[in-house]
Amino acid sequence: MARRKIVAGNWKMNMTPSQAVELINTLKPLVASEDVDVVCCVPAIDIIPAVEAAKGSNIAIGAENMYYEEKGAFTGEIAPNMLTEAGVKYVIIGHSERREYFAETDVTVNKKVLKAIEHGLTPIICCGETLTQREQGVTIDFIRQQIKIAFLNVTAEQAAETVIAYEPIWAIGTGKVATSAQAQEVCGAIRVCIAELYGQETAEKIRIQYGGSVSGASAPELFAQPDIDGGLVGGASLKPDFGKIVNYK
């Protein structure tokens, strides 16, 4: 079955609210596509102006993180219902930077995935290995563990609607891109893991992105791989090159 491609930008900690509006307005004509779902995941303070700026376009707005409780004494956190009321459709969960700098674990990723699904948000669930893990030959084992814990207590029907982003940590912001064969190998293994958990039908529906220094030049070959259904794009999502990635054909 043909899965619809999804290209999501992860802005990280970039763009003030006024800059966000300017960037969305610049990107709107560049990312127009009837064949690809386009998402801009923006810093929390940019969400409301970004949603407003994206109205009438094919750009959906996502968040870069959320907490797994709906309210309470969690200073600095954002609840899922705050995101949905603001017009957010997607949320990145478990990005390697969140895991590395803010002590997120597979267990907290799972809690966030469940809470996002409960609130009708589409989680973009990140997984990926370090250079050391790749060199030690444990990439697939490590990523299977991340996936299995992230999807604990998620039903097959719910899983089919999620997005998984494979981002080798050694390729994020380094300019190093996994070869299309390396990216396909891991994305294929992720689909096999989902098939083991839920069956082939669910595995065929779930969309798996590649992330890590994706560019307009590398996107066509990466996205042509049978198990790569788009990209989670960092630095290039802040530039007009994002349009070339979306319109990769």
Protein backbone atom coordinates (compact mmCIF):
# COMPACT_ATOMS: atom_id res chain seq x y z
CA MET A 1 0.00 0.00 0.00
CA ALA A 2 1.24 3.50 -0.77
CA ARG A 3 1.83 5.54 2.35
CA ARG A 4 1.51 9.31 2.10
CA LYS A 5 4.85 11.04 2.71
CA ILE A 6 5.21 13.35 5.71
CA VAL A 7 7.91 16.00 5.99
CA ALA A 8 8.16 17.74 9.37
CA GLY A 9 10.45 20.60 10.32
CA ASN A 10 11.91 20.65 13.82
CA TRP A 11 12.79 24.28 14.46
CA LYS A 12 14.46 23.46 17.81
CA MET A 13 15.24 26.63 19.84
CA ASN A 14 15.10 29.06 16.94
CA MET A 15 12.78 31.88 15.81
CA THR A 16 11.05 34.52 17.88
CA PRO A 17 7.28 34.86 17.36
CA SER A 18 7.68 37.59 14.72
CA GLN A 19 10.42 35.59 12.95
CA ALA A 20 8.17 32.52 13.04
CA VAL A 21 5.38 34.38 11.23
CA GLU A 22 7.85 35.66 8.65
CA LEU A 23 9.26 32.17 8.06
CA ILE A 24 5.82 30.54 7.73
CA ASN A 25 4.82 33.20 5.20
CA THR A 26 8.05 32.59 3.26
CA LEU A 27 7.56 28.80 3.32
CA LYS A 28 3.86 28.69 2.40
CA PRO A 29 4.31 28.92 -1.40
CA LEU A 30 7.50 26.83 -1.31
CA VAL A 31 5.99 23.83 0.49
CA ALA A 32 2.64 23.73 -1.31
CA SER A 33 2.06 20.08 -2.17
CA GLU A 34 -0.97 17.85 -2.61
CA ASP A 35 1.09 14.69 -2.16
CA VAL A 36 2.98 15.36 1.08
CA ASP A 37 1.85 16.20 4.62
CA VAL A 38 3.85 19.24 5.78
CA VAL A 39 4.41 20.03 9.45
CA CYS A 40 6.36 22.79 11.19
CA CYS A 41 7.17 21.88 14.81
CA VAL A 42 7.90 25.18 16.51
CA PRO A 43 8.97 26.44 19.96
CA ALA A 44 6.08 26.75 22.40
CA ILE A 45 5.99 30.55 22.34
CA ASP A 46 5.66 30.50 18.54
CA ILE A 47 2.73 28.08 18.38
CA ILE A 48 -0.18 30.55 18.43
CA PRO A 49 1.28 33.03 15.90
CA ALA A 50 2.45 30.12 13.71
CA VAL A 51 -1.02 28.52 13.68
CA GLU A 52 -2.49 31.90 12.73
CA ALA A 53 0.10 32.44 9.96
CA ALA A 54 -0.40 28.93 8.54
CA LYS A 55 -4.18 29.24 8.22
CA GLY A 56 -5.41 28.51 4.71
CA SER A 57 -2.18 26.73 3.78
CA ASN A 58 -1.17 23.06 3.78
CA ILE A 59 1.18 23.58 6.74
CA ALA A 60 0.14 21.90 10.01
CA ILE A 61 1.74 23.16 13.21
CA GLY A 62 3.36 20.79 15.67
CA ALA A 63 4.98 21.18 19.09
CA GLU A 64 8.50 20.08 19.98
CA ASN A 65 7.56 18.56 23.32
CA MET A 66 4.75 18.19 25.87
CA TYR A 67 4.23 16.80 29.34
CA TYR A 68 2.27 13.67 30.21
CA GLU A 69 -0.04 15.31 32.75
CA GLU A 70 -2.98 17.58 31.93
CA LYS A 71 -2.35 20.18 34.64
CA GLY A 72 -0.52 20.62 37.92
CA ALA A 73 2.63 21.83 39.61
CA PHE A 74 4.98 21.25 36.67
CA THR A 75 6.63 24.62 36.21
CA GLY A 76 7.68 25.32 32.64
CA GLU A 77 5.85 22.36 31.09
CA ILE A 78 3.04 22.38 28.53
CA ALA A 79 -0.01 20.14 28.71
CA PRO A 80 -1.53 18.29 25.74
CA ASN A 81 -4.88 20.09 26.00
CA MET A 82 -3.04 23.44 25.87
CA LEU A 83 -1.56 22.31 22.55
CA THR A 84 -4.82 21.09 21.05
CA GLU A 85 -6.68 24.27 22.03
CA ALA A 86 -3.94 26.31 20.33
CA GLY A 87 -4.48 24.35 17.09
CA VAL A 88 -1.53 21.94 17.28
CA LYS A 89 -1.87 18.65 15.37
CA TYR A 90 1.50 16.93 15.94
CA VAL A 91 4.05 16.68 18.74
CA ILE A 92 7.65 15.48 18.63
CA ILE A 93 8.32 13.05 21.47
CA GLY A 94 11.65 11.70 22.68
CA HIS A 95 13.99 13.66 20.42
CA SER A 96 17.61 12.73 21.15
CA GLU A 97 18.28 16.27 22.41
CA ARG A 98 15.45 15.89 24.94
CA ARG A 99 16.91 12.58 26.04
CA GLU A 100 20.48 13.88 26.24
CA TYR A 101 19.98 17.32 27.80
CA PHE A 102 16.73 16.92 29.74
CA ALA A 103 16.98 13.35 31.02
CA GLU A 104 14.03 11.94 29.09
CA THR A 105 13.87 8.16 29.16
CA ASP A 106 12.07 5.45 27.20
CA VAL A 107 9.56 5.31 30.06
CA THR A 108 8.72 9.03 29.97
CA VAL A 109 8.54 8.85 26.17
CA ASN A 110 5.91 6.10 26.52
CA LYS A 111 3.88 8.19 29.00
CA LYS A 112 3.95 11.14 26.60
CA VAL A 113 2.98 8.98 23.62
CA LEU A 114 -0.06 7.63 25.47
CA LYS A 115 -1.12 11.11 26.61
CA ALA A 116 -0.68 12.60 23.13
CA ILE A 117 -2.83 9.86 21.59
CA GLU A 118 -5.48 10.34 24.29
CA HIS A 119 -5.77 13.99 23.25
CA GLY A 120 -5.89 13.35 19.51
CA LEU A 121 -2.36 14.60 18.85
CA THR A 122 -0.20 12.67 16.39
CA PRO A 123 3.08 11.82 18.11
CA ILE A 124 6.29 11.88 16.07
CA ILE A 125 8.22 9.33 18.11
CA CYS A 126 11.99 9.66 17.82
CA CYS A 127 14.56 6.92 18.03
CA GLY A 128 18.22 6.68 17.08
CA GLU A 129 21.66 5.45 18.04
CA THR A 130 24.96 7.10 18.90
CA LEU A 131 28.11 6.64 16.83
CA THR A 132 29.53 4.32 19.52
CA GLN A 133 26.42 2.12 19.41
CA ARG A 134 26.63 1.93 15.62
CA GLU A 135 30.31 1.00 15.76
CA GLN A 136 29.57 -1.67 18.38
CA GLY A 137 26.95 -3.23 16.12
CA VAL A 138 24.01 -2.75 18.50
CA THR A 139 22.01 -0.22 16.44
CA ILE A 140 19.05 -2.49 15.65
CA ASP A 141 18.89 -3.98 19.18
CA PHE A 142 18.94 -0.52 20.73
CA ILE A 143 16.29 0.92 18.44
CA ARG A 144 14.00 -2.10 18.85
CA GLN A 145 14.15 -1.49 22.61
CA GLN A 146 13.28 2.19 22.17
CA ILE A 147 10.32 1.29 19.93
CA LYS A 148 8.98 -1.51 22.13
CA ILE A 149 8.97 0.67 25.26
CA ALA A 150 7.57 3.72 23.44
CA PHE A 151 4.59 1.67 22.20
CA LEU A 152 3.77 -0.09 25.48
CA ASN A 153 -0.04 -0.12 25.96
CA VAL A 154 -0.62 1.53 22.57
CA THR A 155 -3.25 -0.36 20.54
CA ALA A 156 -2.71 -1.47 16.94
CA GLU A 157 -5.30 1.05 15.75
CA GLN A 158 -3.56 3.87 17.63
CA ALA A 159 -0.09 2.77 16.51
CA ALA A 160 -1.10 2.91 12.85
CA GLU A 161 -1.79 6.64 13.17
CA THR A 162 1.54 7.54 14.79
CA VAL A 163 4.74 8.63 13.06
CA ILE A 164 8.19 7.24 13.90
CA ALA A 165 11.31 9.30 13.20
CA TYR A 166 14.60 7.46 12.92
CA GLU A 167 17.40 9.92 13.59
CA PRO A 168 20.91 8.53 13.96
CA ILE A 169 22.34 10.82 16.65
CA TRP A 170 25.67 10.92 14.85
CA ALA A 171 23.99 12.55 11.84
CA ILE A 172 22.06 15.33 13.61
CA GLY A 173 23.50 18.74 12.85
CA THR A 174 26.84 17.22 11.86
CA GLY A 175 26.40 17.40 8.10
CA LYS A 176 26.86 13.62 8.06
CA VAL A 177 23.94 11.84 6.46
CA ALA A 178 23.34 8.13 6.76
CA THR A 179 23.56 6.56 3.34
CA SER A 180 20.19 5.69 1.86
CA ALA A 181 21.08 2.02 2.43
CA GLN A 182 21.90 2.62 6.13
CA ALA A 183 18.71 4.63 6.63
CA GLN A 184 16.59 2.02 4.83
CA GLU A 185 18.12 -0.82 6.84
CA VAL A 186 17.08 0.73 10.15
CA CYS A 187 13.68 2.01 8.97
CA GLY A 188 13.00 -1.47 7.58
CA ALA A 189 13.97 -3.01 10.92
CA ILE A 190 11.59 -0.61 12.70
CA ARG A 191 8.75 -1.76 10.44
CA VAL A 192 9.62 -5.39 11.19
CA CYS A 193 9.50 -4.58 14.91
CA ILE A 194 6.06 -2.94 14.53
CA ALA A 195 4.88 -6.02 12.56
CA GLU A 196 6.03 -8.26 15.42
CA LEU A 197 4.13 -6.11 17.92
CA TYR A 198 0.94 -5.48 15.93
CA GLY A 199 0.89 -7.49 12.72
CA GLN A 200 1.77 -6.73 9.13
CA GLU A 201 -1.30 -4.60 8.40
CA THR A 202 -0.41 -2.06 11.09
CA ALA A 203 3.23 -2.11 10.04
CA GLU A 204 2.23 -1.27 6.47
CA LYS A 205 0.20 1.74 7.63
CA ILE A 206 2.67 3.38 10.03
CA ARG A 207 4.82 6.15 8.60
CA ILE A 208 8.55 6.14 9.33
CA GLN A 209 10.66 9.23 8.73
CA TYR A 210 14.41 9.58 8.40
CA GLY A 211 16.03 12.54 10.10
CA GLY A 212 19.59 13.79 10.41
CA SER A 213 21.00 16.44 8.08
CA VAL A 214 18.30 15.91 5.42
CA SER A 215 18.65 18.39 2.54
CA GLY A 216 17.04 19.13 -0.79
CA ALA A 217 19.91 17.21 -2.38
CA SER A 218 19.66 14.06 -0.23
CA ALA A 219 15.84 13.87 0.07
CA PRO A 220 14.99 12.25 -3.33
CA GLU A 221 17.19 9.20 -2.81
CA LEU A 222 16.26 8.82 0.88
CA PHE A 223 12.52 9.15 0.26
CA ALA A 224 12.67 6.63 -2.60
CA GLN A 225 13.55 3.86 -0.13
CA PRO A 226 10.66 1.44 0.47
CA ASP A 227 10.45 2.01 4.24
CA ILE A 228 11.20 5.75 4.40
CA ASP A 229 8.02 7.83 4.34
CA GLY A 230 9.48 11.33 4.61
CA GLY A 231 11.78 13.23 6.88
CA LEU A 232 12.14 15.01 10.20
CA VAL A 233 14.20 18.00 9.17
CA GLY A 234 16.30 20.19 11.44
CA GLY A 235 18.40 23.08 10.12
CA ALA A 236 17.01 22.95 6.58
CA SER A 237 13.47 23.53 7.89
CA LEU A 238 14.48 27.12 8.74
CA LYS A 239 15.44 27.87 5.12
CA PRO A 240 13.85 27.85 1.68
CA ASP A 241 15.58 24.45 1.14
CA PHE A 242 12.67 23.01 3.15
CA GLY A 243 10.53 23.54 0.04
CA LYS A 244 12.94 21.43 -2.04
CA ILE A 245 12.70 18.62 0.54
CA VAL A 246 8.89 18.70 0.50
CA ASN A 247 8.80 18.77 -3.31
CA TYR A 248 11.55 16.18 -3.60
CA LYS A 249 10.34 14.56 -6.83
